[in-house]
Amino acid sequence: MRLEELPNIYKAETLSLMGRALEQAWQELKSKGELKDEDGAKRKLTRTIVALASVGETDSRKLKNFAVNATAGR
């Protein structure tokens, strides 16, 4: 799932911060060089960020950190 595929339930600013968090999380995971399943890791990052945003989290740093931690070792 890509963020662009989400229904229009999020404001543009929320989608933007979710996108930033996803990109930063992805870059952090890639820089560690520990990815075994890149597609699975990207899906897990996206699902984690969407889940957190759906319950009201709007801090992109927190979104990134939670997503990276949830995906570590993937």
N, C-alpha and C. Protein backbone atom coordinates (compact mmCIF):
# COMPACT_ATOMS: atom_id res chain seq x y z
N MET A 1 0.84 -1.17 0.00
CA MET A 1 0.00 0.00 0.00
C MET A 1 0.89 1.23 0.00
N ARG A 2 0.53 2.16 -0.84
CA ARG A 2 1.23 3.44 -0.87
C ARG A 2 0.32 4.49 -0.26
N LEU A 3 0.93 5.53 0.29
CA LEU A 3 0.11 6.55 0.95
C LEU A 3 -0.87 7.21 -0.01
N GLU A 4 -0.51 7.29 -1.29
CA GLU A 4 -1.42 7.91 -2.27
C GLU A 4 -2.70 7.09 -2.45
N GLU A 5 -2.66 5.84 -2.06
CA GLU A 5 -3.81 4.96 -2.23
C GLU A 5 -4.83 5.09 -1.10
N LEU A 6 -4.49 5.85 -0.09
CA LEU A 6 -5.41 6.00 1.04
C LEU A 6 -6.63 6.81 0.63
N PRO A 7 -7.76 6.47 1.18
CA PRO A 7 -8.96 7.28 0.90
C PRO A 7 -8.76 8.70 1.42
N ASN A 8 -9.60 9.57 1.00
CA ASN A 8 -9.49 10.99 1.38
C ASN A 8 -9.97 11.25 2.80
N ILE A 9 -9.51 10.45 3.75
CA ILE A 9 -9.92 10.65 5.14
C ILE A 9 -8.91 11.49 5.91
N TYR A 10 -7.75 11.71 5.31
CA TYR A 10 -6.71 12.49 5.96
C TYR A 10 -6.57 13.84 5.28
N LYS A 11 -6.29 14.86 6.07
CA LYS A 11 -6.02 16.18 5.52
C LYS A 11 -4.69 16.13 4.77
N ALA A 12 -4.52 17.07 3.86
CA ALA A 12 -3.30 17.12 3.05
C ALA A 12 -2.06 17.23 3.93
N GLU A 13 -2.14 18.01 5.00
CA GLU A 13 -0.97 18.17 5.87
C GLU A 13 -0.62 16.87 6.60
N THR A 14 -1.66 16.10 6.96
CA THR A 14 -1.42 14.81 7.62
C THR A 14 -0.79 13.83 6.64
N LEU A 15 -1.28 13.78 5.41
CA LEU A 15 -0.68 12.92 4.40
C LEU A 15 0.78 13.32 4.14
N SER A 16 1.04 14.61 4.15
CA SER A 16 2.40 15.09 3.93
C SER A 16 3.33 14.64 5.04
N LEU A 17 2.91 14.78 6.30
CA LEU A 17 3.78 14.37 7.40
C LEU A 17 3.93 12.85 7.45
N MET A 18 2.88 12.13 7.04
CA MET A 18 2.99 10.67 6.96
C MET A 18 4.00 10.29 5.88
N GLY A 19 3.97 10.98 4.77
CA GLY A 19 4.93 10.73 3.69
C GLY A 19 6.35 11.01 4.12
N ARG A 20 6.55 12.11 4.83
CA ARG A 20 7.89 12.43 5.35
C ARG A 20 8.37 11.37 6.31
N ALA A 21 7.49 10.95 7.22
CA ALA A 21 7.86 9.93 8.19
C ALA A 21 8.22 8.62 7.49
N LEU A 22 7.45 8.26 6.47
CA LEU A 22 7.72 7.03 5.73
C LEU A 22 9.07 7.11 5.03
N GLU A 23 9.33 8.21 4.35
CA GLU A 23 10.60 8.36 3.64
C GLU A 23 11.78 8.34 4.61
N GLN A 24 11.68 9.05 5.72
CA GLN A 24 12.76 9.06 6.71
C GLN A 24 12.97 7.68 7.32
N ALA A 25 11.89 6.98 7.62
CA ALA A 25 11.99 5.64 8.19
C ALA A 25 12.65 4.70 7.18
N TRP A 26 12.24 4.79 5.92
CA TRP A 26 12.80 3.94 4.88
C TRP A 26 14.30 4.19 4.73
N GLN A 27 14.69 5.45 4.69
CA GLN A 27 16.11 5.78 4.55
C GLN A 27 16.91 5.26 5.75
N GLU A 28 16.34 5.37 6.94
CA GLU A 28 17.04 4.88 8.14
C GLU A 28 17.22 3.36 8.07
N LEU A 29 16.18 2.65 7.69
CA LEU A 29 16.30 1.20 7.59
C LEU A 29 17.31 0.79 6.52
N LYS A 30 17.26 1.45 5.38
CA LYS A 30 18.19 1.13 4.30
C LYS A 30 19.63 1.41 4.70
N SER A 31 19.84 2.48 5.46
CA SER A 31 21.20 2.85 5.85
C SER A 31 21.81 1.84 6.82
N LYS A 32 20.96 1.13 7.54
CA LYS A 32 21.45 0.11 8.47
C LYS A 32 21.89 -1.15 7.73
N GLY A 33 21.40 -1.33 6.51
CA GLY A 33 21.78 -2.47 5.70
C GLY A 33 21.33 -3.82 6.23
N GLU A 34 20.26 -3.84 6.99
CA GLU A 34 19.79 -5.08 7.61
C GLU A 34 18.49 -5.61 7.01
N LEU A 35 18.07 -5.07 5.89
CA LEU A 35 16.79 -5.46 5.31
C LEU A 35 16.91 -6.80 4.59
N LYS A 36 16.07 -7.73 4.98
CA LYS A 36 16.02 -9.04 4.33
C LYS A 36 14.91 -9.08 3.29
N ASP A 37 13.83 -8.35 3.54
CA ASP A 37 12.66 -8.33 2.67
C ASP A 37 12.23 -6.87 2.50
N GLU A 38 12.75 -6.23 1.46
CA GLU A 38 12.48 -4.80 1.27
C GLU A 38 11.01 -4.50 1.08
N ASP A 39 10.33 -5.30 0.27
CA ASP A 39 8.90 -5.05 0.04
C ASP A 39 8.10 -5.22 1.32
N GLY A 40 8.39 -6.27 2.07
CA GLY A 40 7.70 -6.50 3.34
C GLY A 40 7.99 -5.39 4.34
N ALA A 41 9.22 -4.94 4.36
CA ALA A 41 9.60 -3.87 5.29
C ALA A 41 8.87 -2.58 4.95
N LYS A 42 8.80 -2.25 3.67
CA LYS A 42 8.11 -1.02 3.27
C LYS A 42 6.62 -1.10 3.60
N ARG A 43 6.01 -2.28 3.39
CA ARG A 43 4.59 -2.45 3.75
C ARG A 43 4.39 -2.29 5.26
N LYS A 44 5.30 -2.87 6.04
CA LYS A 44 5.20 -2.78 7.50
C LYS A 44 5.35 -1.33 7.95
N LEU A 45 6.30 -0.61 7.37
CA LEU A 45 6.46 0.82 7.70
C LEU A 45 5.16 1.57 7.42
N THR A 46 4.63 1.36 6.24
CA THR A 46 3.41 2.07 5.84
C THR A 46 2.24 1.73 6.75
N ARG A 47 2.04 0.45 7.01
CA ARG A 47 0.93 0.05 7.89
C ARG A 47 1.08 0.64 9.29
N THR A 48 2.30 0.66 9.80
CA THR A 48 2.51 1.21 11.14
C THR A 48 2.21 2.70 11.18
N ILE A 49 2.69 3.42 10.19
CA ILE A 49 2.46 4.86 10.14
C ILE A 49 0.98 5.17 9.98
N VAL A 50 0.30 4.44 9.10
CA VAL A 50 -1.14 4.67 8.90
C VAL A 50 -1.91 4.35 10.18
N ALA A 51 -1.56 3.26 10.84
CA ALA A 51 -2.26 2.88 12.07
C ALA A 51 -2.10 3.96 13.14
N LEU A 52 -0.89 4.45 13.30
CA LEU A 52 -0.66 5.49 14.30
C LEU A 52 -1.37 6.79 13.94
N ALA A 53 -1.33 7.16 12.68
CA ALA A 53 -2.00 8.39 12.25
C ALA A 53 -3.51 8.25 12.42
N SER A 54 -4.03 7.05 12.23
CA SER A 54 -5.48 6.86 12.34
C SER A 54 -5.99 7.03 13.77
N VAL A 55 -5.10 6.92 14.75
CA VAL A 55 -5.51 7.15 16.13
C VAL A 55 -5.06 8.53 16.63
N GLY A 56 -4.61 9.36 15.67
CA GLY A 56 -4.36 10.75 16.01
C GLY A 56 -2.92 11.18 16.17
N GLU A 57 -1.96 10.30 15.97
CA GLU A 57 -0.56 10.71 16.10
C GLU A 57 -0.17 11.57 14.90
N THR A 58 0.35 12.77 15.18
CA THR A 58 0.71 13.69 14.10
C THR A 58 2.16 14.17 14.20
N ASP A 59 2.92 13.58 15.07
CA ASP A 59 4.34 13.94 15.19
C ASP A 59 5.13 13.03 14.24
N SER A 60 5.67 13.60 13.16
CA SER A 60 6.34 12.77 12.16
C SER A 60 7.56 12.05 12.73
N ARG A 61 8.22 12.64 13.70
CA ARG A 61 9.38 11.99 14.34
C ARG A 61 8.94 10.73 15.08
N LYS A 62 7.83 10.82 15.80
CA LYS A 62 7.30 9.66 16.51
C LYS A 62 6.83 8.59 15.52
N LEU A 63 6.15 9.02 14.46
CA LEU A 63 5.70 8.08 13.45
C LEU A 63 6.88 7.31 12.88
N LYS A 64 7.94 8.03 12.55
CA LYS A 64 9.14 7.41 11.99
C LYS A 64 9.76 6.43 12.97
N ASN A 65 9.95 6.87 14.20
CA ASN A 65 10.60 6.03 15.20
C ASN A 65 9.80 4.76 15.49
N PHE A 66 8.50 4.88 15.67
CA PHE A 66 7.67 3.70 15.91
C PHE A 66 7.73 2.74 14.72
N ALA A 67 7.66 3.29 13.51
CA ALA A 67 7.68 2.45 12.31
C ALA A 67 9.01 1.72 12.17
N VAL A 68 10.11 2.42 12.41
CA VAL A 68 11.43 1.79 12.31
C VAL A 68 11.55 0.66 13.33
N ASN A 69 11.13 0.95 14.55
CA ASN A 69 11.21 -0.08 15.60
C ASN A 69 10.31 -1.28 15.29
N ALA A 70 9.15 -1.04 14.74
CA ALA A 70 8.23 -2.13 14.41
C ALA A 70 8.77 -2.98 13.26
N THR A 71 9.62 -2.40 12.44
CA THR A 71 10.08 -3.08 11.23
C THR A 71 11.50 -3.63 11.37
N ALA A 72 12.18 -3.30 12.44
CA ALA A 72 13.58 -3.71 12.61
C ALA A 72 13.73 -5.21 12.41
N GLY A 73 14.76 -5.58 11.65
CA GLY A 73 15.06 -6.99 11.43
C GLY A 73 14.23 -7.63 10.35
N ARG A 74 13.41 -6.89 9.69
CA ARG A 74 12.53 -7.45 8.66
C ARG A 74 13.31 -7.73 7.41
